[in-house]
């Protein structure tokens, strides 16, 4: 009888390469943003490894790597050093990559994740500074390849997790949280589409929880979903191999997103295959306590800091996740800053959070919101609408509709109450006017009125709806309900 997949324990570890947000490369004064640049235009004698070319360490890289240490809940090492990792490939003209292995700038740390309401911690083995290689392209139908060295020498952080994950869902949660940490710490643009953040997923399965299986490494994934799907596929593939009595081969694999499957690329190299040696041209990095303390003092609020602040407003987890993600995806408009400015007034802050999640963020994701409104106008617009809703001049529905229209049009009237009045959004709270409508509704809906008199309170919702319809949505629904109860009781 075939073994079931539940008898196998999957184990997952992830290596993440993050392109640092510097203006220039790791060791050369050459532009670091290759997006849209013509091939082989962002290069120098240092990138090409010309004889006699001497690299000079970019100081900003050390600062950003140190920030990453604090984002992971640890500190940068006082002493770290570079090494040469030797391999031969067309996109690496020097024949070696400058990296860190034995004494990296960050050791330890962790990332907290939540899956299905359960919180767990993924430990970090190390974070090392290294340079990127170039890029090979293979024109369809041609018998040659092209090499673009624009990315050669681009500064990267390689963040290596421990093999602490045991499900595709955990792997996805980990890379998503790591993405947020990188963004909130200001370490990288983390542009997934352009490969500024890439994931290599190591997967193995074993029936013995104390012994790891043979692993595969699926390289260069650039989305949270592909990490999850690649892990799912590899777990299933490896179990099927073992069930046939065959052995899993340790290898490097690629991900075919169209086919949703991994493909074998090459045998996996071990560390000794790279012939690591100390880098002779770059001195070790030595950080003082003063330098490390200064970085710590300058750290911005991180995702967990924001979660605590937003939790204090009573927001649910999905709202908080939406706000955290939207803040870094649409960097022109800050949602969290406006909430933070009003944290001393929790009722206002909660209204803002709800309107962001239910109105503005969806509009911006659907590209329906105009970019014409100035950032400086948004706070006053939101506060004026809140004050109108607080005064019962705007129903909750009309407040959202008004806000939506202003965002789509990209206008912020000087006096929003006058504008809302002109557009018919202000609700009628004049008791005598609503009382007349209530009287008409009762006469026209005698059965529902009788049901309310008999104690069937649910019927009053129908009658309130009729009042709203007759008033074209302008009646204050709370006042309408009170007047209905009063008239029917009498």
Protein backbone atom coordinates (compact mmCIF):
# COMPACT_ATOMS: atom_id res chain seq x y z
CA UNK A 1 0.00 0.00 0.00
CA UNK A 2 1.39 3.41 -0.96
CA UNK A 3 2.49 5.72 1.82
CA UNK A 4 0.47 8.87 2.29
CA UNK A 5 2.04 12.29 2.05
CA UNK A 6 1.18 12.93 5.72
CA UNK A 7 3.96 10.48 6.67
CA UNK A 8 6.56 12.85 5.20
CA UNK A 9 7.73 16.01 6.93
CA UNK A 10 8.64 18.79 4.49
CA UNK A 11 11.46 21.10 5.51
CA UNK A 12 12.01 24.46 3.82
CA UNK A 13 14.80 27.00 4.00
CA UNK A 14 14.99 30.17 1.90
CA UNK A 15 17.87 32.29 0.62
CA UNK A 16 16.79 35.79 -0.36
CA UNK A 17 18.84 38.20 -2.49
CA UNK A 18 17.96 41.85 -1.90
CA UNK A 19 19.30 44.65 -4.09
CA UNK A 20 20.32 47.52 -1.83
CA UNK A 21 18.94 51.04 -2.31
CA UNK A 22 22.22 52.73 -3.19
CA UNK A 23 22.95 55.14 -6.02
CA UNK A 24 26.10 53.31 -7.08
CA UNK A 25 27.41 49.76 -7.18
CA UNK A 26 29.11 47.83 -4.40
CA UNK A 27 32.71 48.55 -5.39
CA UNK A 28 32.45 50.99 -8.33
CA UNK A 29 31.13 54.54 -8.84
CA UNK A 30 28.66 53.36 -11.50
CA UNK A 31 24.86 53.77 -11.48
CA UNK A 32 23.02 51.03 -9.62
CA UNK A 33 19.59 51.16 -11.31
CA UNK A 34 19.66 48.96 -14.41
CA UNK A 35 15.90 49.15 -15.04
CA UNK A 36 15.40 50.43 -18.58
CA UNK A 37 19.12 51.01 -19.19
CA UNK A 38 20.61 49.91 -22.52
CA UNK A 39 22.70 46.71 -22.18
CA UNK A 40 26.29 47.16 -20.99
CA UNK A 41 26.05 50.90 -20.35
CA UNK A 42 26.34 50.81 -16.54
CA UNK A 43 29.78 49.25 -16.37
CA UNK A 44 33.36 50.16 -15.60
CA UNK A 45 36.81 48.56 -15.52
CA UNK A 46 36.00 47.35 -11.99
CA UNK A 47 32.73 45.65 -13.09
CA UNK A 48 34.64 43.93 -15.91
CA UNK A 49 37.47 42.77 -13.67
CA UNK A 50 40.16 44.40 -15.79
CA UNK A 51 43.77 43.76 -14.69
CA UNK A 52 44.81 46.17 -11.95
CA UNK A 53 41.24 47.34 -11.19
CA UNK A 54 40.88 47.88 -7.45
CA UNK A 55 37.43 47.82 -5.78
CA UNK A 56 36.45 50.41 -3.14
CA UNK A 57 33.64 49.53 -0.71
CA UNK A 58 30.47 51.64 -0.92
CA UNK A 59 29.93 52.99 2.62
CA UNK A 60 26.16 53.22 2.16
CA UNK A 61 26.04 49.44 1.73
CA UNK A 62 27.41 48.97 5.25
CA UNK A 63 24.76 51.33 6.65
CA UNK A 64 21.90 49.49 4.91
CA UNK A 65 23.22 46.09 5.94
CA UNK A 66 23.37 47.33 9.53
CA UNK A 67 19.77 48.52 9.30
CA UNK A 68 18.78 45.06 8.08
CA UNK A 69 20.36 43.55 11.20
CA UNK A 70 18.12 45.64 13.44
CA UNK A 71 15.08 44.86 11.27
CA UNK A 72 15.77 41.17 11.98
CA UNK A 73 15.98 41.76 15.72
CA UNK A 74 19.76 41.57 16.05
CA UNK A 75 22.84 43.79 15.61
CA UNK A 76 25.53 43.99 12.93
CA UNK A 77 28.82 42.28 13.70
CA UNK A 78 31.67 44.48 14.91
CA UNK A 79 34.01 42.62 12.53
CA UNK A 80 33.25 41.10 9.13
CA UNK A 81 35.25 40.38 6.01
CA UNK A 82 34.95 39.66 2.29
CA UNK A 83 35.89 36.51 0.37
CA UNK A 84 36.18 35.45 -3.25
CA UNK A 85 33.76 32.80 -4.46
CA UNK A 86 35.18 31.27 -7.64
CA UNK A 87 33.09 30.02 -10.53
CA UNK A 88 33.15 30.45 -14.28
CA UNK A 89 30.14 31.68 -16.22
CA UNK A 90 29.76 34.24 -19.05
CA UNK A 91 27.98 36.77 -16.81
CA UNK A 92 30.93 36.85 -14.36
CA UNK A 93 33.93 38.25 -16.25
CA UNK A 94 36.23 38.25 -13.20
CA UNK A 95 35.81 34.50 -12.68
CA UNK A 96 34.90 35.11 -9.04
CA UNK A 97 32.22 36.86 -7.01
CA UNK A 98 33.08 38.98 -3.96
CA UNK A 99 30.93 37.77 -1.09
CA UNK A 100 30.97 36.90 2.62
CA UNK A 101 30.62 33.40 4.05
CA UNK A 102 32.67 32.72 7.15
CA UNK A 103 32.44 36.16 8.77
CA UNK A 104 29.34 37.94 7.41
CA UNK A 105 28.09 41.32 8.60
CA UNK A 106 24.98 39.84 10.27
CA UNK A 107 24.73 36.61 12.23
CA UNK A 108 21.43 35.43 13.73
CA UNK A 109 18.13 37.26 13.99
CA UNK A 110 14.62 36.05 13.22
CA UNK A 111 11.40 36.78 11.37
CA UNK A 112 8.03 36.34 13.08
CA UNK A 113 5.26 34.90 10.91
CA UNK A 114 1.60 34.01 11.36
CA UNK A 115 -0.23 31.22 9.52
CA UNK A 116 -3.84 30.29 10.29
CA UNK A 117 -3.74 32.30 13.50
CA UNK A 118 -0.62 30.51 14.77
CA UNK A 119 2.53 32.57 15.32
CA UNK A 120 5.99 31.08 14.84
CA UNK A 121 9.56 32.26 14.36
CA UNK A 122 11.93 31.62 11.45
CA UNK A 123 15.55 31.94 12.53
CA UNK A 124 18.13 33.67 10.33
CA UNK A 125 21.47 31.93 9.83
CA UNK A 126 23.32 34.92 8.40
CA UNK A 127 23.08 37.98 6.18
CA UNK A 128 26.02 38.60 3.88
CA UNK A 129 27.01 41.43 1.56
CA UNK A 130 27.85 40.34 -1.98
CA UNK A 131 27.96 41.60 -5.54
CA UNK A 132 25.51 40.49 -8.22
CA UNK A 133 26.55 38.95 -11.52
CA UNK A 134 25.40 40.05 -14.98
CA UNK A 135 22.52 38.58 -16.93
CA UNK A 136 22.48 36.09 -19.80
CA UNK A 137 19.66 36.15 -22.35
CA UNK A 138 18.94 33.46 -24.89
CA UNK A 139 17.17 34.79 -28.04
CA UNK A 140 14.46 32.43 -29.22
CA UNK A 141 15.52 30.34 -32.21
CA UNK A 142 19.14 31.52 -32.10
CA UNK A 143 22.26 29.46 -31.42
CA UNK A 144 23.94 32.09 -29.26
CA UNK A 145 23.42 33.92 -25.96
CA UNK A 146 23.80 37.61 -25.08
CA UNK A 147 25.43 38.96 -21.94
CA UNK A 148 24.38 42.21 -20.22
CA UNK A 149 26.76 43.24 -17.43
CA UNK A 150 24.72 46.20 -16.16
CA UNK A 151 23.93 44.29 -12.97
CA UNK A 152 27.50 43.09 -12.44
CA UNK A 153 28.69 44.56 -9.15
CA UNK A 154 25.22 45.56 -7.96
CA UNK A 155 25.19 45.44 -4.13
CA UNK A 156 23.12 42.63 -2.65
CA UNK A 157 22.29 41.27 0.76
CA UNK A 158 21.89 37.51 0.85
CA UNK A 159 19.56 36.67 3.73
CA UNK A 160 19.82 32.98 4.61
CA UNK A 161 17.11 31.46 6.81
CA UNK A 162 17.42 28.32 8.87
CA UNK A 163 15.34 25.37 7.64
CA UNK A 164 12.54 26.26 10.08
CA UNK A 165 9.55 26.16 7.72
CA UNK A 166 7.48 23.03 7.16
CA UNK A 167 4.71 24.09 4.80
CA UNK A 168 4.31 26.18 1.62
CA UNK A 169 2.02 28.54 3.58
CA UNK A 170 4.82 29.22 6.08
CA UNK A 171 7.26 29.85 3.23
CA UNK A 172 4.90 32.37 1.67
CA UNK A 173 4.29 34.10 5.02
CA UNK A 174 8.05 34.31 5.62
CA UNK A 175 8.94 35.95 2.29
CA UNK A 176 6.04 38.38 2.60
CA UNK A 177 7.12 39.45 6.09
CA UNK A 178 10.74 39.69 4.96
CA UNK A 179 9.59 41.95 2.11
CA UNK A 180 7.82 44.23 4.59
CA UNK A 181 10.87 44.35 6.86
CA UNK A 182 13.14 45.28 3.95
CA UNK A 183 10.77 48.02 2.80
CA UNK A 184 10.01 49.53 6.22
CA UNK A 185 13.70 49.51 7.16
CA UNK A 186 14.48 51.43 3.95
CA UNK A 187 17.03 48.83 2.88
CA UNK A 188 15.78 48.24 -0.68
CA UNK A 189 13.17 49.26 -3.24
CA UNK A 190 12.35 45.53 -3.25
CA UNK A 191 10.90 45.80 -6.76
CA UNK A 192 9.84 42.18 -7.24
CA UNK A 193 8.99 42.61 -10.92
CA UNK A 194 12.52 43.77 -11.79
CA UNK A 195 14.20 41.17 -9.58
CA UNK A 196 15.35 43.53 -6.82
CA UNK A 197 14.26 40.84 -4.38
CA UNK A 198 14.63 37.19 -5.41
CA UNK A 199 14.09 33.97 -3.50
CA UNK A 200 15.87 30.60 -3.70
CA UNK A 201 13.71 27.92 -2.06
CA UNK A 202 15.36 24.81 -0.60
CA UNK A 203 12.97 21.89 -0.06
CA UNK A 204 13.43 18.39 1.30
CA UNK A 205 11.06 15.72 2.65
CA UNK A 206 11.71 12.95 5.17
CA UNK A 207 9.75 10.38 7.15
CA UNK A 208 12.21 10.80 10.01
CA UNK A 209 11.63 14.17 11.77
CA UNK A 210 15.19 14.02 13.12
CA UNK A 211 16.81 13.58 9.71
CA UNK A 212 16.61 15.88 6.71
CA UNK A 213 16.01 14.49 3.24
CA UNK A 214 17.98 15.31 0.09
CA UNK A 215 17.11 18.86 -0.91
CA UNK A 216 16.50 20.68 -4.14
CA UNK A 217 17.00 24.42 -4.63
CA UNK A 218 14.55 26.29 -6.85
CA UNK A 219 16.19 29.57 -7.81
CA UNK A 220 15.21 33.13 -8.70
CA UNK A 221 11.55 33.23 -7.67
CA UNK A 222 10.21 36.78 -7.57
CA UNK A 223 6.72 36.60 -6.08
CA UNK A 224 5.19 35.34 -2.85
CA UNK A 225 2.81 33.10 -4.77
CA UNK A 226 5.58 31.47 -6.81
CA UNK A 227 7.47 30.67 -3.58
CA UNK A 228 4.38 28.93 -2.23
CA UNK A 229 3.61 27.07 -5.47
CA UNK A 230 7.23 25.99 -6.06
CA UNK A 231 7.39 24.58 -2.53
CA UNK A 232 4.09 22.74 -3.07
CA UNK A 233 5.33 21.26 -6.33
CA UNK A 234 8.69 20.18 -4.92
CA UNK A 235 7.12 18.49 -1.89
CA UNK A 236 4.77 16.52 -4.12
CA UNK A 237 7.51 15.69 -6.66
CA UNK A 238 9.95 14.44 -4.04
CA UNK A 239 7.36 12.31 -2.25
CA UNK A 240 6.38 10.66 -5.55
CA UNK A 241 10.06 9.86 -6.25
CA UNK A 242 10.54 8.31 -2.80
CA UNK A 243 7.31 6.32 -3.09
CA UNK A 244 8.67 4.71 -6.26
CA UNK A 245 11.72 3.56 -4.30
CA UNK A 246 13.99 6.03 -6.09
CA UNK A 247 16.35 8.68 -4.67
CA UNK A 248 15.93 12.45 -4.76
CA UNK A 249 18.89 14.12 -6.47
CA UNK A 250 20.44 17.22 -4.91
CA UNK A 251 20.19 19.80 -7.67
CA UNK A 252 19.37 23.34 -8.71
CA UNK A 253 15.97 23.77 -10.35
CA UNK A 254 14.11 26.57 -12.09
CA UNK A 255 10.46 27.59 -11.88
CA UNK A 256 8.21 27.59 -14.97
CA UNK A 257 5.40 29.92 -13.97
CA UNK A 258 3.30 29.12 -17.04
CA UNK A 259 3.39 25.38 -16.34
CA UNK A 260 3.45 25.80 -12.55
CA UNK A 261 6.28 23.31 -12.18
CA UNK A 262 10.00 23.17 -11.42
CA UNK A 263 12.56 22.03 -13.99
CA UNK A 264 16.02 20.55 -13.45
CA UNK A 265 18.88 22.93 -14.34
CA UNK A 266 22.15 21.59 -12.91
CA UNK A 267 23.72 19.60 -10.09
CA UNK A 268 24.04 21.53 -6.85
CA UNK A 269 27.51 22.77 -5.96
CA UNK A 270 28.90 22.57 -2.43
CA UNK A 271 30.91 25.31 -0.70
CA UNK A 272 34.23 23.59 -1.43
CA UNK A 273 33.46 23.70 -5.15
CA UNK A 274 33.74 27.48 -5.05
CA UNK A 275 37.27 27.54 -3.58
CA UNK A 276 36.56 30.41 -1.16
CA UNK A 277 39.56 32.57 -0.23
CA UNK A 278 39.94 35.88 1.65
CA UNK A 279 39.49 38.93 -0.59
CA UNK A 280 42.96 40.56 -0.73
CA UNK A 281 41.89 43.94 -2.16
CA UNK A 282 39.25 44.93 0.42
CA UNK A 283 40.05 45.40 4.12
CA UNK A 284 37.70 43.91 6.76
CA UNK A 285 34.71 45.94 7.95
CA UNK A 286 35.16 47.09 11.54
CA UNK A 287 32.17 48.80 13.16
CA UNK A 288 32.46 50.79 16.39
CA UNK A 289 29.85 50.72 19.15
CA UNK A 290 29.16 54.40 18.40
CA UNK A 291 28.39 53.60 14.75
CA UNK A 292 26.09 50.69 15.66
CA UNK A 293 24.25 52.75 18.31
CA UNK A 294 23.73 55.56 15.79
CA UNK A 295 22.11 53.15 13.30
CA UNK A 296 19.88 51.76 16.06
CA UNK A 297 18.72 55.27 17.03
CA UNK A 298 17.83 56.10 13.41
CA UNK A 299 15.71 52.99 12.75
CA UNK A 300 12.16 53.79 11.58
CA UNK A 301 9.01 52.05 12.83
CA UNK A 302 8.89 48.44 11.59
CA UNK A 303 5.83 46.30 10.71
CA UNK A 304 5.41 44.94 14.26
CA UNK A 305 5.56 48.48 15.68
CA UNK A 306 2.73 49.43 13.34
CA UNK A 307 0.76 46.29 14.19
CA UNK A 308 0.77 47.29 17.86
CA UNK A 309 -0.39 50.82 17.05
CA UNK A 310 -3.15 49.62 14.72
CA UNK A 311 -4.22 46.88 17.13
CA UNK A 312 -4.79 49.58 19.74
CA UNK A 313 -7.55 50.94 17.46
CA UNK A 314 -9.35 47.58 17.46
CA UNK A 315 -8.68 46.90 13.77
CA UNK A 316 -8.83 43.29 12.63
CA UNK A 317 -5.83 41.46 11.19
CA UNK A 318 -6.94 41.70 7.56
CA UNK A 319 -7.33 45.49 7.80
CA UNK A 320 -3.88 45.80 9.38
CA UNK A 321 -2.31 43.59 6.68
CA UNK A 322 -3.97 45.67 3.95
CA UNK A 323 -2.66 48.92 5.43
CA UNK A 324 0.89 47.60 5.90
CA UNK A 325 1.04 46.31 2.34
CA UNK A 326 -0.55 49.38 0.74
CA UNK A 327 1.83 51.72 2.55
CA UNK A 328 4.86 50.28 0.74
CA UNK A 329 3.19 49.51 -2.59
CA UNK A 330 1.96 53.07 -3.17
CA UNK A 331 4.77 55.21 -1.79
CA UNK A 332 3.37 58.52 -3.02
CA UNK A 333 0.46 58.39 -0.57
CA UNK A 334 1.06 57.59 3.10
CA UNK A 335 -1.82 56.00 4.96
CA UNK A 336 0.01 55.24 8.19
CA UNK A 337 1.36 58.77 8.67
CA UNK A 338 -2.17 60.21 8.65
CA UNK A 339 -3.35 57.54 11.09
CA UNK A 340 -0.33 58.21 13.33
CA UNK A 341 -1.09 61.95 13.35
CA UNK A 342 -4.49 61.11 14.85
CA UNK A 343 -3.58 58.29 17.26
CA UNK A 344 -4.33 60.61 20.18
CA UNK A 345 -7.92 60.64 18.84
CA UNK A 346 -8.62 56.89 18.39
CA UNK A 347 -12.13 57.39 16.99
CA UNK A 348 -10.81 59.58 14.17
CA UNK A 349 -7.85 57.26 13.52
CA UNK A 350 -10.17 54.23 13.27
CA UNK A 351 -12.47 56.03 10.83
CA UNK A 352 -9.47 56.92 8.68
CA UNK A 353 -8.23 53.32 8.70
CA UNK A 354 -11.65 52.03 7.66
CA UNK A 355 -11.95 54.57 4.84
CA UNK A 356 -8.43 53.78 3.62
CA UNK A 357 -9.12 50.04 3.49
CA UNK A 358 -12.63 50.25 2.04
CA UNK A 359 -12.38 53.29 -0.25
CA UNK A 360 -9.01 54.80 -1.11
CA UNK A 361 -6.80 51.70 -1.32
CA UNK A 362 -9.20 49.78 -3.62
CA UNK A 363 -9.56 52.87 -5.85
CA UNK A 364 -5.79 53.23 -6.18
CA UNK A 365 -5.32 49.51 -6.83
CA UNK A 366 -7.90 49.74 -9.61
CA UNK A 367 -6.22 52.93 -10.96
CA UNK A 368 -9.47 54.86 -10.57
CA UNK A 369 -8.20 57.52 -8.16
CA UNK A 370 -6.82 60.71 -9.67
CA UNK A 371 -3.24 61.82 -8.98
CA UNK A 372 -4.27 65.48 -9.19
CA UNK A 373 -5.04 65.90 -5.49
CA UNK A 374 -2.06 67.22 -3.55
CA UNK A 375 -0.76 65.24 -0.58
CA UNK A 376 -1.25 68.31 1.61
CA UNK A 377 -4.98 68.37 0.79
CA UNK A 378 -5.78 64.80 1.84
CA UNK A 379 -5.61 65.24 5.65
CA UNK A 380 -8.01 68.21 5.66
CA UNK A 381 -10.40 66.43 3.27
CA UNK A 382 -10.58 63.38 5.51
CA UNK A 383 -11.01 65.40 8.71
CA UNK A 384 -13.82 67.53 7.21
CA UNK A 385 -15.67 64.40 6.07
CA UNK A 386 -15.18 62.81 9.51
CA UNK A 387 -16.61 65.90 11.23
CA UNK A 388 -19.67 65.84 8.95
CA UNK A 389 -20.23 62.14 9.70
CA UNK A 390 -19.72 62.74 13.43
CA UNK A 391 -22.36 65.49 13.34
CA UNK A 392 -24.78 63.08 11.59
CA UNK A 393 -24.82 65.32 8.53
CA UNK A 394 -23.41 62.45 6.44
CA UNK A 395 -24.57 58.86 6.67
CA UNK A 396 -21.79 56.25 6.64
CA UNK A 397 -22.77 55.32 3.08
CA UNK A 398 -22.80 58.91 1.85
CA UNK A 399 -19.48 59.64 3.57
CA UNK A 400 -17.87 56.81 1.60
CA UNK A 401 -19.56 57.88 -1.63
CA UNK A 402 -18.49 61.50 -1.18
CA UNK A 403 -14.92 60.45 -0.40
CA UNK A 404 -14.82 58.10 -3.38
CA UNK A 405 -16.02 60.82 -5.77
CA UNK A 406 -13.50 63.37 -4.48
CA UNK A 407 -10.65 60.87 -4.90
CA UNK A 408 -11.76 59.92 -8.42
CA UNK A 409 -12.16 63.54 -9.47
CA UNK A 410 -8.95 64.58 -7.72
CA UNK A 411 -10.56 67.68 -6.24
CA UNK A 412 -10.71 69.01 -2.69
CA UNK A 413 -13.36 71.76 -2.32
CA UNK A 414 -12.53 74.58 0.09
CA UNK A 415 -15.74 73.89 2.01
CA UNK A 416 -16.65 70.23 1.76
CA UNK A 417 -19.97 70.68 3.60
CA UNK A 418 -21.19 73.16 0.98
CA UNK A 419 -20.03 70.83 -1.79
CA UNK A 420 -21.78 67.86 -0.15
CA UNK A 421 -24.95 69.91 0.20
CA UNK A 422 -24.87 70.84 -3.48
CA UNK A 423 -24.34 67.21 -4.49
CA UNK A 424 -27.17 65.96 -2.28
CA UNK A 425 -25.05 64.02 0.21
CA UNK A 426 -26.04 65.88 3.38
CA UNK A 427 -28.72 63.90 5.22
CA UNK A 428 -31.90 65.51 6.49
CA UNK A 429 -32.08 65.63 10.28
CA UNK A 430 -35.06 67.97 10.45
CA UNK A 431 -37.52 66.02 12.59
CA UNK A 432 -40.69 67.55 11.13
CA UNK A 433 -39.59 66.82 7.53
CA UNK A 434 -38.74 63.19 8.28
CA UNK A 435 -41.91 62.76 10.34
CA UNK A 436 -43.99 63.59 7.24
CA UNK A 437 -42.16 60.94 5.19
CA UNK A 438 -42.54 58.40 8.02
CA UNK A 439 -46.28 59.02 8.09
CA UNK A 440 -46.53 58.43 4.33
CA UNK A 441 -44.48 55.20 4.55
CA UNK A 442 -46.69 53.82 7.33
CA UNK A 443 -49.85 54.51 5.30
CA UNK A 444 -48.36 52.83 2.22
CA UNK A 445 -47.05 49.76 4.09
CA UNK A 446 -49.81 48.82 6.50
CA UNK A 447 -48.81 45.14 6.78
CA UNK A 448 -45.24 45.94 7.79
CA UNK A 449 -46.53 48.57 10.21
CA UNK A 450 -48.85 45.99 11.81
CA UNK A 451 -45.94 43.52 12.06
CA UNK A 452 -43.92 46.09 14.01
CA UNK A 453 -46.87 46.74 16.34
CA UNK A 454 -47.06 42.98 17.02
CA UNK A 455 -43.44 42.98 18.10
CA UNK A 456 -41.79 41.84 14.87
CA UNK A 457 -39.00 44.39 15.11
CA UNK A 458 -37.23 43.09 11.96
CA UNK A 459 -39.96 44.67 9.88
CA UNK A 460 -38.82 48.12 10.99
CA UNK A 461 -35.69 47.71 8.86
CA UNK A 462 -37.92 47.44 5.80
CA UNK A 463 -39.79 50.61 6.78
CA UNK A 464 -36.54 52.53 7.38
CA UNK A 465 -35.46 51.45 3.89
CA UNK A 466 -38.69 52.89 2.47
CA UNK A 467 -38.08 56.19 4.26
CA UNK A 468 -34.56 56.32 2.82
CA UNK A 469 -35.90 55.59 -0.65
CA UNK A 470 -38.53 58.35 -0.45
CA UNK A 471 -35.98 60.84 0.84
CA UNK A 472 -33.53 59.85 -1.91
CA UNK A 473 -31.09 58.66 0.73
CA UNK A 474 -30.99 61.97 2.55
CA UNK A 475 -32.98 61.12 5.68
CA UNK A 476 -31.06 60.43 8.87
CA UNK A 477 -31.74 56.67 9.24
CA UNK A 478 -31.35 56.70 13.03
CA UNK A 479 -33.88 59.51 13.40
CA UNK A 480 -36.19 57.80 10.89
CA UNK A 481 -36.16 54.61 13.00
CA UNK A 482 -36.89 56.54 16.20
CA UNK A 483 -39.85 58.32 14.58
CA UNK A 484 -41.23 55.06 13.15
CA UNK A 485 -41.14 53.44 16.60
CA UNK A 486 -42.74 56.52 18.12
CA UNK A 487 -45.61 56.71 15.60
CA UNK A 488 -46.32 52.98 15.63
CA UNK A 489 -46.26 52.85 19.41
CA UNK A 490 -48.76 55.67 19.63
